[in-house]
Amino acid sequence: MTKDRIACVTVPNFPIAICLRVDQPLQDKPVALVEVDSGSPRISDSSPILAVSDIAANTGVTCSMTVAQAKSYCPDLVVKVRDTKREKAASAKLRDLLFTASPLIEETDPGCFFLDASGLNWLYKNENKLALKLVSLITPLRLPVQVGIANNKFVAKAAAQTSPIDSFTVVPAKTEPRFLNSLTIDYLPFSDDTREKLLALGLKTIGQVAAFPSNEMTARFGQEGAVISRLSRGDDTNFFLPEMAHVKISARVSLFEPLQSTQAIIAHVEKTLTKLLEKLNRTDRGCREVDIKLHLETNGQMRTSAAHNTWQKSEQSLHLALKQVVGTPHKFIGRLVNQLNSYRLPAGVMDITITIPEVLPLVSSQMELMRASGSFGQMGTSAAHKFSDNARINSELRQVRLMFPAIHNAVIPDNNFGFYPVDQKNKSSKADKTGDACCQYSLNPIAGLRLVSPAQKASVVTGRKKLRQLRLNNHTKPIIGQNGPWELSGEWWKYGFDRLYYEVQTTDHQFYLLYFDRQASDWYVQGVFD
């Protein structure tokens, strides 16, 4: 499987699907869902419709109607109260099932999940097998499911939505524009007003939008036009922000012949652990502990010796623990070498099971080091020697340069960032010489910041001069720490911006760079710290 692949699993019309699964007799009837206040649980004629079944939609009922208006279109309409508790329970069940297929999952909307589909060739023969697996996980729940796999979230979701019920669509890499060309513009995220304007221009398909000059789209529709122009060409910059599974990540190596030497065991452990950590590294995560279980030949002759530690069981477990989170296997292998050298194998090793009990985020300096030094597999071949080469590791560490951001005068922050080394002693003097204003609006180093371009709109709950909650992609995350605000304004003669920047930490151990646009009175996510 190719790198950087995303799978989208969606249950279409999720609230209706949950309602119909519970109440089977309503399968062949027009159904609509409403929400009511806890104080007055009765459904009134003025209650707004939140979701409608396909049968109800075919009669002309839409989500913008009230109950009275909907029944004027469909007198036989069955109106039910939306059961949010049951939906949350079903969503949690779906998430747990999908964690068995991939350890990295992001839920953006109710019933819509994105999974990391890269590097799973050791579990699935190809992406079609993975897609079939995902479909087979959901169908036993008596829920409709659609699956799509592509290079980014937008194309993967479009592929899922165009798939037949209980089926899938795989979009090969570099074929995204060809796949999107014939789709209608309804798959693009825009407002109703923008949709009407696009139709007035004669742009009915995504391919026609892609052929429209991007600068013209931006001039006509502003930031929204820039986004849909980019998406129409299959270029999605939205970050994949998964929550980590609360399950162990493991892999098992079955051997054709028993291993008798320590060097052979180390080589197999290194290869398998590297694959596991490479997968985690794609989301800038690593681990601090590794459990290794060696399964021995059962018919091997067990010997005892007072002079040596000898394994008397059919399997032996080793626990490798470090003080800090790492994203490469080097230090783990060094610990493994030390442990294996203190034992004598009474029998050959037939199977090896490697387990990562907890996945943790890496710090920015570790990410920068791994990018500077290349991929995992390019750092040597001898496991017993390369992990003790402290001079080489120290040399690589000296190449890491952490940078602080600086905003250039007369440039919107979203479009241009300047960088100054952390160890630069006289930043102000250099800023004066170059005409740039050094604005350190973040305490974290820029090496770990993934910029969101354009900035993503969000909701923030505030209270007593503190930020309490961040709502992003239909997820509410309590804020447990914040730095700021840093004030940033300028370009009054052109576009003009006036912002307050904050650096916040949420309960899921994510760090975000937010800003409040004082002109628009809206909150935005500028970037994510890993």
Protein backbone atom coordinates (compact mmCIF):
# COMPACT_ATOMS: atom_id res chain seq x y z
CA MET A 1 0.00 0.00 0.00
CA THR A 2 1.23 3.53 -0.75
CA LYS A 3 2.07 6.06 1.92
CA ASP A 4 -0.28 8.70 3.29
CA ARG A 5 -3.54 6.94 2.49
CA ILE A 6 -6.79 7.75 4.28
CA ALA A 7 -9.90 5.58 4.56
CA CYS A 8 -13.32 7.10 5.18
CA VAL A 9 -16.09 5.02 6.77
CA THR A 10 -19.48 6.69 6.84
CA VAL A 11 -22.96 5.61 7.91
CA PRO A 12 -25.21 7.72 5.67
CA ASN A 13 -27.93 9.70 7.45
CA PHE A 14 -26.62 8.46 10.79
CA PRO A 15 -29.49 9.69 13.09
CA ILE A 16 -32.12 8.12 10.82
CA ALA A 17 -30.09 4.90 10.49
CA ILE A 18 -29.94 4.55 14.29
CA CYS A 19 -33.68 5.25 14.61
CA LEU A 20 -34.64 2.69 11.94
CA ARG A 21 -32.33 0.05 13.39
CA VAL A 22 -34.16 0.26 16.72
CA ASP A 23 -37.68 0.58 15.26
CA GLN A 24 -37.79 -1.93 12.39
CA PRO A 25 -41.49 -1.37 11.44
CA LEU A 26 -40.56 2.18 10.34
CA GLN A 27 -38.24 0.91 7.59
CA ASP A 28 -40.90 1.38 4.85
CA LYS A 29 -42.44 4.59 6.20
CA PRO A 30 -41.51 8.27 5.86
CA VAL A 31 -39.70 9.28 9.05
CA ALA A 32 -38.43 12.60 10.40
CA LEU A 33 -36.51 13.40 13.57
CA VAL A 34 -36.76 16.46 15.82
CA GLU A 35 -35.08 17.61 19.02
CA VAL A 36 -37.12 18.79 21.99
CA ASP A 37 -36.25 20.57 25.23
CA SER A 38 -35.80 18.39 28.29
CA GLY A 39 -38.36 20.51 30.11
CA SER A 40 -41.07 19.98 27.48
CA PRO A 41 -40.55 16.60 25.78
CA ARG A 42 -43.65 16.94 23.58
CA ILE A 43 -43.32 17.41 19.82
CA SER A 44 -44.96 20.63 18.65
CA ASP A 45 -45.93 21.75 15.16
CA SER A 46 -43.21 24.41 15.30
CA SER A 47 -40.41 21.93 16.11
CA PRO A 48 -37.72 22.07 13.36
CA ILE A 49 -36.97 18.91 11.38
CA LEU A 50 -33.36 17.75 11.93
CA ALA A 51 -33.18 14.61 9.78
CA VAL A 52 -35.45 12.86 7.27
CA SER A 53 -35.43 9.37 5.76
CA ASP A 54 -35.06 8.81 2.02
CA ILE A 55 -38.76 7.98 1.70
CA ALA A 56 -39.70 11.24 3.41
CA ALA A 57 -37.21 13.20 1.31
CA ASN A 58 -38.82 11.85 -1.88
CA THR A 59 -42.12 13.44 -0.82
CA GLY A 60 -40.48 16.88 -0.57
CA VAL A 61 -39.76 16.99 3.16
CA THR A 62 -36.47 18.75 4.00
CA CYS A 63 -34.53 19.53 7.16
CA SER A 64 -35.36 23.24 6.91
CA MET A 65 -39.07 22.67 7.58
CA THR A 66 -41.11 22.63 10.76
CA VAL A 67 -43.26 19.64 11.66
CA ALA A 68 -46.40 21.41 10.41
CA GLN A 69 -44.80 22.30 7.08
CA ALA A 70 -43.43 18.76 6.64
CA LYS A 71 -46.84 17.17 7.26
CA SER A 72 -48.39 19.42 4.64
CA TYR A 73 -46.09 17.72 2.12
CA CYS A 74 -46.42 14.24 3.64
CA PRO A 75 -49.51 13.66 5.83
CA ASP A 76 -48.31 10.14 6.72
CA LEU A 77 -45.00 11.43 8.06
CA VAL A 78 -43.86 9.72 11.28
CA VAL A 79 -42.14 12.24 13.56
CA LYS A 80 -39.83 10.87 16.25
CA VAL A 81 -37.62 12.50 18.88
CA ARG A 82 -33.93 12.15 18.17
CA ASP A 83 -32.20 9.83 20.64
CA THR A 84 -28.76 11.40 21.11
CA LYS A 85 -27.76 8.97 23.87
CA ARG A 86 -28.34 5.98 21.61
CA GLU A 87 -26.41 7.71 18.81
CA LYS A 88 -23.42 8.33 21.08
CA ALA A 89 -23.44 4.70 22.20
CA ALA A 90 -23.60 3.50 18.59
CA SER A 91 -20.80 5.89 17.62
CA ALA A 92 -18.61 4.53 20.42
CA LYS A 93 -19.36 0.98 19.27
CA LEU A 94 -18.39 1.83 15.69
CA ARG A 95 -15.17 3.48 16.87
CA ASP A 96 -14.20 0.42 18.92
CA LEU A 97 -14.81 -1.87 15.93
CA LEU A 98 -12.78 0.32 13.58
CA PHE A 99 -9.87 0.37 16.03
CA THR A 100 -9.48 -3.35 15.25
CA ALA A 101 -8.68 -2.40 11.64
CA SER A 102 -6.46 0.65 12.20
CA PRO A 103 -5.07 2.20 15.40
CA LEU A 104 -5.41 5.79 14.12
CA ILE A 105 -8.99 7.08 13.81
CA GLU A 106 -10.56 10.54 13.64
CA GLU A 107 -14.32 11.06 13.99
CA THR A 108 -15.33 14.33 12.31
CA ASP A 109 -19.13 14.00 12.23
CA PRO A 110 -21.61 11.56 13.79
CA GLY A 111 -21.21 8.34 11.84
CA CYS A 112 -18.22 9.59 9.78
CA PHE A 113 -14.75 8.22 10.59
CA PHE A 114 -11.34 8.67 8.96
CA LEU A 115 -8.70 5.96 9.39
CA ASP A 116 -5.00 5.82 8.58
CA ALA A 117 -4.80 3.31 5.73
CA SER A 118 -1.03 3.62 5.15
CA GLY A 119 1.50 0.94 5.90
CA LEU A 120 -1.06 -1.80 6.59
CA ASN A 121 0.36 -4.21 4.01
CA TRP A 122 1.45 -6.51 6.82
CA LEU A 123 -2.22 -6.88 7.76
CA TYR A 124 -4.06 -6.56 4.46
CA LYS A 125 -2.93 -7.75 1.05
CA ASN A 126 -4.22 -4.62 -0.71
CA GLU A 127 -6.57 -1.71 -0.15
CA ASN A 128 -9.57 -3.63 -1.51
CA LYS A 129 -9.07 -6.18 1.27
CA LEU A 130 -8.92 -3.36 3.82
CA ALA A 131 -12.11 -1.80 2.45
CA LEU A 132 -13.90 -5.17 2.55
CA LYS A 133 -12.76 -5.57 6.15
CA LEU A 134 -14.19 -2.17 7.08
CA VAL A 135 -17.53 -2.96 5.44
CA SER A 136 -17.71 -6.35 7.14
CA LEU A 137 -17.15 -4.73 10.55
CA ILE A 138 -20.21 -2.48 10.26
CA THR A 139 -22.81 -4.56 8.38
CA PRO A 140 -23.45 -6.99 11.32
CA LEU A 141 -24.78 -3.98 13.27
CA ARG A 142 -27.61 -3.66 10.73
CA LEU A 143 -26.39 -0.21 9.69
CA PRO A 144 -25.77 1.01 6.11
CA VAL A 145 -22.11 1.73 5.45
CA GLN A 146 -20.02 3.28 2.68
CA VAL A 147 -16.22 3.17 2.49
CA GLY A 148 -13.74 5.20 0.43
CA ILE A 149 -9.93 5.15 0.32
CA ALA A 150 -7.80 7.92 -1.20
CA ASN A 151 -4.79 10.18 -0.59
CA ASN A 152 -6.61 12.75 1.57
CA LYS A 153 -9.74 13.23 3.63
CA PHE A 154 -11.84 15.13 1.07
CA VAL A 155 -11.36 12.64 -1.76
CA ALA A 156 -11.78 9.68 0.61
CA LYS A 157 -15.10 11.06 1.86
CA ALA A 158 -16.30 11.77 -1.68
CA ALA A 159 -15.32 8.21 -2.66
CA ALA A 160 -17.32 6.85 0.27
CA GLN A 161 -20.39 8.95 -0.50
CA THR A 162 -20.42 7.83 -4.14
CA SER A 163 -20.12 4.14 -3.19
CA PRO A 164 -23.20 1.87 -3.15
CA ILE A 165 -24.56 0.96 0.27
CA ASP A 166 -22.43 -1.74 1.94
CA SER A 167 -19.71 -1.29 -0.66
CA PHE A 168 -16.54 0.74 -1.25
CA THR A 169 -14.53 2.82 -3.73
CA VAL A 170 -10.73 2.98 -3.87
CA VAL A 171 -9.20 6.01 -5.62
CA PRO A 172 -5.61 5.18 -6.69
CA ALA A 173 -2.91 7.73 -5.95
CA LYS A 174 -2.54 10.56 -8.50
CA THR A 175 -5.99 9.90 -10.01
CA GLU A 176 -7.92 12.24 -7.71
CA PRO A 177 -8.75 14.92 -10.36
CA ARG A 178 -10.03 12.27 -12.78
CA PHE A 179 -12.26 10.79 -10.06
CA LEU A 180 -13.64 14.18 -9.00
CA ASN A 181 -14.24 15.64 -12.48
CA SER A 182 -17.69 14.10 -13.07
CA LEU A 183 -19.04 14.63 -9.54
CA THR A 184 -21.53 17.42 -8.89
CA ILE A 185 -20.52 20.48 -6.92
CA ASP A 186 -22.72 19.30 -4.02
CA TYR A 187 -19.75 17.30 -2.73
CA LEU A 188 -17.83 20.55 -2.12
CA PRO A 189 -18.19 22.32 1.25
CA PHE A 190 -19.71 25.75 0.65
CA SER A 191 -22.64 27.92 1.69
CA ASP A 192 -26.00 27.96 -0.09
CA ASP A 193 -25.23 31.44 -1.41
CA THR A 194 -21.97 30.26 -2.99
CA ARG A 195 -23.75 27.26 -4.51
CA GLU A 196 -26.28 29.51 -6.23
CA LYS A 197 -23.51 31.73 -7.58
CA LEU A 198 -21.57 28.74 -8.94
CA LEU A 199 -24.68 27.44 -10.69
CA ALA A 200 -25.28 30.92 -12.12
CA LEU A 201 -21.77 30.76 -13.60
CA GLY A 202 -22.63 27.41 -15.19
CA LEU A 203 -20.33 25.45 -12.89
CA LYS A 204 -22.25 22.24 -12.16
CA THR A 205 -19.44 19.69 -11.76
CA ILE A 206 -16.25 19.64 -9.72
CA GLY A 207 -14.27 19.34 -12.94
CA GLN A 208 -15.70 22.64 -14.17
CA VAL A 209 -14.76 24.31 -10.88
CA ALA A 210 -11.22 22.91 -11.17
CA ALA A 211 -10.91 24.37 -14.70
CA PHE A 212 -11.98 27.80 -13.43
CA PRO A 213 -8.90 29.98 -12.65
CA SER A 214 -8.09 29.75 -8.95
CA ASN A 215 -7.28 33.47 -8.65
CA GLU A 216 -10.69 34.28 -10.15
CA MET A 217 -12.40 31.95 -7.67
CA THR A 218 -10.60 33.66 -4.80
CA ALA A 219 -11.49 37.12 -6.10
CA ARG A 220 -15.18 36.21 -6.46
CA PHE A 221 -15.72 34.11 -3.33
CA GLY A 222 -12.86 35.06 -1.01
CA GLN A 223 -11.45 32.44 1.34
CA GLU A 224 -14.28 30.02 0.54
CA GLY A 225 -13.43 30.24 -3.15
CA ALA A 226 -9.76 29.45 -2.47
CA VAL A 227 -10.77 26.36 -0.48
CA ILE A 228 -13.17 24.91 -3.05
CA SER A 229 -10.76 25.67 -5.88
CA ARG A 230 -8.05 23.67 -4.14
CA LEU A 231 -10.40 20.82 -3.20
CA SER A 232 -11.74 20.56 -6.74
CA ARG A 233 -8.22 19.63 -7.89
CA GLY A 234 -8.00 16.89 -5.25
CA ASP A 235 -5.72 18.89 -2.95
CA ASP A 236 -6.95 18.75 0.64
CA THR A 237 -4.81 20.36 3.35
CA ASN A 238 -7.08 19.50 6.28
CA PHE A 239 -5.05 17.69 8.92
CA PHE A 240 -5.71 14.12 9.91
CA LEU A 241 -5.97 14.44 13.70
CA PRO A 242 -6.62 10.97 15.04
CA GLU A 243 -7.33 9.94 18.57
CA MET A 244 -5.12 7.10 19.64
CA ALA A 245 -6.67 3.72 20.37
CA HIS A 246 -6.70 2.69 24.01
CA VAL A 247 -5.63 -0.79 22.95
CA LYS A 248 -2.24 -2.38 22.56
CA ILE A 249 -0.56 -2.23 19.17
CA SER A 250 1.24 -5.46 18.43
CA ALA A 251 2.67 -7.63 15.68
CA ARG A 252 3.70 -11.27 15.63
CA VAL A 253 6.55 -12.80 13.62
CA SER A 254 6.23 -16.51 12.78
CA LEU A 255 9.51 -18.16 11.76
CA PHE A 256 10.06 -21.12 9.44
CA GLU A 257 13.10 -22.29 11.37
CA PRO A 258 13.95 -21.77 15.05
CA LEU A 259 16.38 -18.97 15.85
CA GLN A 260 19.38 -19.98 17.94
CA SER A 261 21.49 -16.82 17.93
CA THR A 262 21.00 -13.51 19.71
CA GLN A 263 21.89 -11.58 16.55
CA ALA A 264 19.09 -13.23 14.56
CA ILE A 265 16.51 -12.46 17.27
CA ILE A 266 17.62 -8.82 17.39
CA ALA A 267 17.37 -8.49 13.61
CA HIS A 268 13.75 -9.74 13.54
CA VAL A 269 12.73 -7.60 16.50
CA GLU A 270 14.33 -4.52 14.95
CA LYS A 271 12.59 -5.03 11.60
CA THR A 272 9.13 -5.53 13.13
CA LEU A 273 9.44 -2.76 15.72
CA THR A 274 10.62 -0.36 13.00
CA LYS A 275 7.43 -0.99 11.01
CA LEU A 276 5.25 -0.34 14.05
CA LEU A 277 7.06 2.89 14.93
CA GLU A 278 7.07 4.10 11.32
CA LYS A 279 3.29 3.89 11.38
CA LEU A 280 3.09 5.91 14.59
CA ASN A 281 5.66 8.39 13.30
CA ARG A 282 3.35 9.42 10.46
CA THR A 283 1.21 11.15 13.09
CA ASP A 284 4.28 12.29 15.09
CA ARG A 285 3.80 9.78 17.88
CA GLY A 286 6.01 7.19 19.52
CA CYS A 287 6.22 5.10 22.68
CA ARG A 288 8.13 4.70 25.91
CA GLU A 289 7.66 0.97 26.54
CA VAL A 290 7.82 -2.21 24.45
CA ASP A 291 6.91 -5.76 25.47
CA ILE A 292 8.61 -8.65 23.64
CA LYS A 293 7.50 -12.26 24.00
CA LEU A 294 9.76 -15.04 22.66
CA HIS A 295 7.98 -18.34 22.01
CA LEU A 296 10.42 -21.26 22.34
CA GLU A 297 10.45 -24.73 20.81
CA THR A 298 8.34 -26.98 23.04
CA ASN A 299 10.37 -30.10 22.23
CA GLY A 300 13.71 -28.45 22.86
CA GLN A 301 15.81 -29.86 25.67
CA MET A 302 15.61 -27.69 28.77
CA ARG A 303 18.86 -27.44 30.69
CA THR A 304 19.62 -25.89 34.05
CA SER A 305 22.85 -24.34 35.12
CA ALA A 306 23.90 -22.61 38.31
CA ALA A 307 26.35 -20.42 36.41
CA HIS A 308 23.83 -19.00 33.91
CA ASN A 309 20.28 -17.74 33.92
CA THR A 310 18.32 -20.32 31.92
CA TRP A 311 14.74 -20.07 30.67
CA GLN A 312 12.64 -22.97 31.92
CA LYS A 313 9.34 -22.00 30.23
CA SER A 314 8.02 -22.40 26.69
CA GLU A 315 8.02 -18.61 26.34
CA GLN A 316 9.88 -15.67 27.83
CA SER A 317 8.64 -12.09 28.19
CA LEU A 318 10.94 -9.08 28.08
CA HIS A 319 9.90 -5.56 29.10
CA LEU A 320 11.88 -2.65 27.63
CA ALA A 321 11.20 0.72 29.24
CA LEU A 322 12.74 4.16 28.62
CA LYS A 323 12.50 7.44 30.50
CA GLN A 324 11.39 9.43 27.47
CA VAL A 325 9.13 8.88 24.47
CA VAL A 326 11.01 7.86 21.31
CA GLY A 327 9.99 7.36 17.69
CA THR A 328 12.83 5.05 16.61
CA PRO A 329 13.76 1.54 17.79
CA HIS A 330 17.41 2.33 18.53
CA LYS A 331 17.33 2.64 22.31
CA PHE A 332 14.93 -0.28 22.66
CA ILE A 333 17.26 -2.54 20.69
CA GLY A 334 20.15 -1.42 22.87
CA ARG A 335 18.22 -2.52 25.97
CA LEU A 336 17.30 -5.79 24.25
CA VAL A 337 20.95 -6.55 23.47
CA ASN A 338 21.85 -6.11 27.13
CA GLN A 339 19.05 -8.38 28.31
CA LEU A 340 19.70 -11.14 25.78
CA ASN A 341 23.42 -11.19 26.58
CA SER A 342 22.60 -12.16 30.17
CA TYR A 343 20.65 -15.28 29.13
CA ARG A 344 21.43 -18.59 27.47
CA LEU A 345 18.73 -19.92 25.14
CA PRO A 346 17.70 -23.48 26.14
CA ALA A 347 15.74 -23.90 22.87
CA GLY A 348 15.19 -22.17 19.55
CA VAL A 349 12.78 -19.24 19.17
CA MET A 350 9.83 -20.08 16.89
CA ASP A 351 7.68 -16.93 17.23
CA ILE A 352 8.19 -13.36 18.38
CA THR A 353 5.38 -11.08 19.56
CA ILE A 354 6.11 -7.34 19.91
CA THR A 355 3.60 -5.12 21.71
CA ILE A 356 3.49 -1.35 22.25
CA PRO A 357 1.24 -0.94 25.32
CA GLU A 358 0.81 2.86 25.09
CA VAL A 359 1.15 5.38 22.25
CA LEU A 360 2.40 8.85 23.21
CA PRO A 361 3.12 12.11 21.31
CA LEU A 362 6.68 13.01 20.37
CA VAL A 363 8.23 16.38 21.17
CA SER A 364 9.05 18.73 18.32
CA SER A 365 12.84 18.32 18.59
CA GLN A 366 12.50 14.54 18.12
CA MET A 367 10.40 15.02 15.00
CA GLU A 368 12.94 17.45 13.55
CA LEU A 369 15.79 15.02 14.26
CA MET A 370 14.05 12.15 12.47
CA ARG A 371 13.33 14.33 9.46
CA ALA A 372 16.95 15.49 9.34
CA SER A 373 18.36 11.97 9.66
CA GLY A 374 16.04 10.33 7.12
CA SER A 375 13.81 7.29 7.39
CA PHE A 376 14.12 4.61 10.05
CA GLY A 377 15.73 2.04 7.82
CA GLN A 378 18.60 4.23 6.63
CA MET A 379 20.59 4.51 9.84
CA GLY A 380 22.71 1.40 9.70
CA THR A 381 22.55 -2.36 9.58
CA SER A 382 24.26 -3.74 12.64
CA ALA A 383 21.85 -3.58 15.56
CA ALA A 384 24.47 -4.43 18.16
CA HIS A 385 26.80 -1.56 17.14
CA LYS A 386 24.76 1.29 15.68
CA PHE A 387 22.88 2.00 18.89
CA SER A 388 26.08 2.62 20.81
CA ASP A 389 27.39 5.15 18.31
CA ASN A 390 26.90 8.17 20.55
CA ALA A 391 29.16 10.39 18.46
CA ARG A 392 26.93 9.99 15.39
CA ILE A 393 23.73 10.62 17.38
CA ASN A 394 25.21 13.72 19.02
CA SER A 395 26.28 14.96 15.59
CA GLU A 396 22.72 14.61 14.31
CA LEU A 397 21.36 16.38 17.38
CA ARG A 398 23.63 19.36 16.67
CA GLN A 399 22.02 19.67 13.23
CA VAL A 400 18.58 20.27 14.73
CA ARG A 401 17.58 23.93 14.53
CA LEU A 402 14.49 25.03 16.41
CA MET A 403 13.00 28.24 15.07
CA PHE A 404 10.69 30.90 16.44
CA PRO A 405 8.15 32.49 14.09
CA ALA A 406 8.24 36.14 13.11
CA ILE A 407 5.62 38.09 11.17
CA HIS A 408 6.86 40.25 8.30
CA ASN A 409 5.52 43.78 8.17
CA ALA A 410 2.73 44.41 5.65
CA VAL A 411 2.11 40.67 5.18
CA ILE A 412 -0.94 38.75 6.45
CA PRO A 413 0.27 36.11 8.94
CA ASP A 414 -1.59 33.34 7.12
CA ASN A 415 0.45 33.89 3.97
CA ASN A 416 4.01 34.47 5.13
CA PHE A 417 6.04 33.48 8.16
CA GLY A 418 9.58 34.51 8.99
CA PHE A 419 11.78 32.34 11.22
CA TYR A 420 14.52 33.17 13.72
CA PRO A 421 16.74 30.56 15.43
CA VAL A 422 16.04 30.02 19.09
CA ASP A 423 19.67 30.59 20.02
CA GLN A 424 19.93 33.88 18.14
CA LYS A 425 20.95 36.36 20.82
CA ASN A 426 20.03 39.67 19.20
CA LYS A 427 16.73 39.09 17.41
CA SER A 428 15.59 42.68 17.70
CA SER A 429 18.66 44.09 15.97
CA LYS A 430 18.34 41.71 13.05
CA ALA A 431 14.64 42.48 12.77
CA ASP A 432 15.46 46.17 12.60
CA LYS A 433 18.05 45.62 9.85
CA THR A 434 15.73 43.53 7.68
CA GLY A 435 12.67 45.64 8.30
CA ASP A 436 10.78 42.68 9.77
CA ALA A 437 9.02 42.67 13.10
CA CYS A 438 9.84 39.68 15.28
CA CYS A 439 6.59 38.62 16.93
CA GLN A 440 6.92 35.57 19.19
CA TYR A 441 3.27 34.66 19.62
CA SER A 442 3.98 31.02 20.56
CA LEU A 443 6.05 29.50 23.35
CA ASN A 444 6.46 26.19 21.52
CA PRO A 445 9.17 25.86 18.84
CA ILE A 446 8.00 26.25 15.26
CA ALA A 447 9.51 22.84 14.32
CA GLY A 448 6.48 21.10 15.83
CA LEU A 449 3.82 23.42 14.36
CA ARG A 450 1.69 22.25 11.45
CA LEU A 451 0.07 25.34 9.94
CA VAL A 452 -3.56 25.20 8.85
CA SER A 453 -3.93 27.09 5.58
CA PRO A 454 -6.44 28.60 5.44
CA ALA A 455 -7.13 28.82 9.15
CA GLN A 456 -9.97 26.56 10.28
CA LYS A 457 -12.97 28.15 11.95
CA ALA A 458 -13.69 26.88 15.46
CA SER A 459 -15.83 27.59 18.52
CA VAL A 460 -14.31 28.51 21.87
CA VAL A 461 -16.12 28.74 25.21
CA THR A 462 -14.62 31.40 27.48
CA GLY A 463 -15.16 32.38 31.09
CA ARG A 464 -13.40 34.61 33.60
CA LYS A 465 -10.69 35.60 31.12
CA LYS A 466 -9.85 31.95 30.45
CA LEU A 467 -10.53 29.67 27.50
CA ARG A 468 -12.65 26.75 28.72
CA GLN A 469 -13.53 24.57 25.71
CA LEU A 470 -12.52 24.20 22.06
CA ARG A 471 -15.09 22.81 19.62
CA LEU A 472 -13.49 21.56 16.41
CA ASN A 473 -14.96 19.17 13.83
CA ASN A 474 -18.01 18.51 16.03
CA HIS A 475 -15.78 17.51 18.95
CA THR A 476 -15.72 19.45 22.22
CA LYS A 477 -12.32 19.41 23.93
CA PRO A 478 -11.88 20.93 27.41
CA ILE A 479 -8.90 23.31 27.60
CA ILE A 480 -6.56 22.60 30.52
CA GLY A 481 -3.81 25.13 29.79
CA GLN A 482 -3.24 28.32 27.83
CA ASN A 483 -0.60 30.90 27.00
CA GLY A 484 -1.31 34.37 25.66
CA PRO A 485 -2.92 36.38 24.34
CA TRP A 486 -0.43 37.88 21.88
CA GLU A 487 -1.85 40.81 19.95
CA LEU A 488 -1.21 41.00 16.21
CA SER A 489 -2.64 43.65 13.88
CA GLY A 490 -1.74 45.58 10.75
CA GLU A 491 -2.32 46.24 7.04
CA TRP A 492 -5.13 48.70 7.73
CA TRP A 493 -4.58 50.17 4.25
CA LYS A 494 -5.29 46.87 2.45
CA TYR A 495 -6.97 43.84 3.97
CA GLY A 496 -6.47 44.63 7.63
CA PHE A 497 -6.21 42.14 10.46
CA ASP A 498 -6.59 42.43 14.22
CA ARG A 499 -6.06 39.23 16.16
CA LEU A 500 -5.38 37.81 19.61
CA TYR A 501 -3.27 34.63 19.52
CA TYR A 502 -3.46 31.88 22.15
CA GLU A 503 -1.58 28.64 22.59
CA VAL A 504 -3.81 26.06 24.32
CA GLN A 505 -3.61 22.47 25.54
CA THR A 506 -6.67 20.19 25.57
CA THR A 507 -7.42 17.12 27.69
CA ASP A 508 -6.46 14.77 24.83
CA HIS A 509 -2.84 16.11 25.05
CA GLN A 510 -3.12 18.14 21.82
CA PHE A 511 -1.64 21.64 21.55
CA TYR A 512 -3.31 24.21 19.27
CA LEU A 513 -2.44 27.71 18.13
CA LEU A 514 -5.70 29.70 18.11
CA TYR A 515 -6.53 33.26 17.32
CA PHE A 516 -9.58 35.44 17.88
CA ASP A 517 -10.38 37.70 14.93
CA ARG A 518 -11.54 40.89 16.58
CA GLN A 519 -12.87 42.24 13.29
CA ALA A 520 -15.09 39.23 12.53
CA SER A 521 -15.60 38.19 16.20
CA ASP A 522 -14.73 34.59 15.27
CA TRP A 523 -12.23 32.00 16.52
CA TYR A 524 -9.83 30.13 14.22
CA VAL A 525 -7.26 27.34 14.52
CA GLN A 526 -3.99 28.57 12.99
CA GLY A 527 -1.97 25.38 13.61
CA VAL A 528 -1.42 22.21 15.61
CA PHE A 529 1.66 21.51 17.73
CA ASP A 530 2.92 17.92 17.71
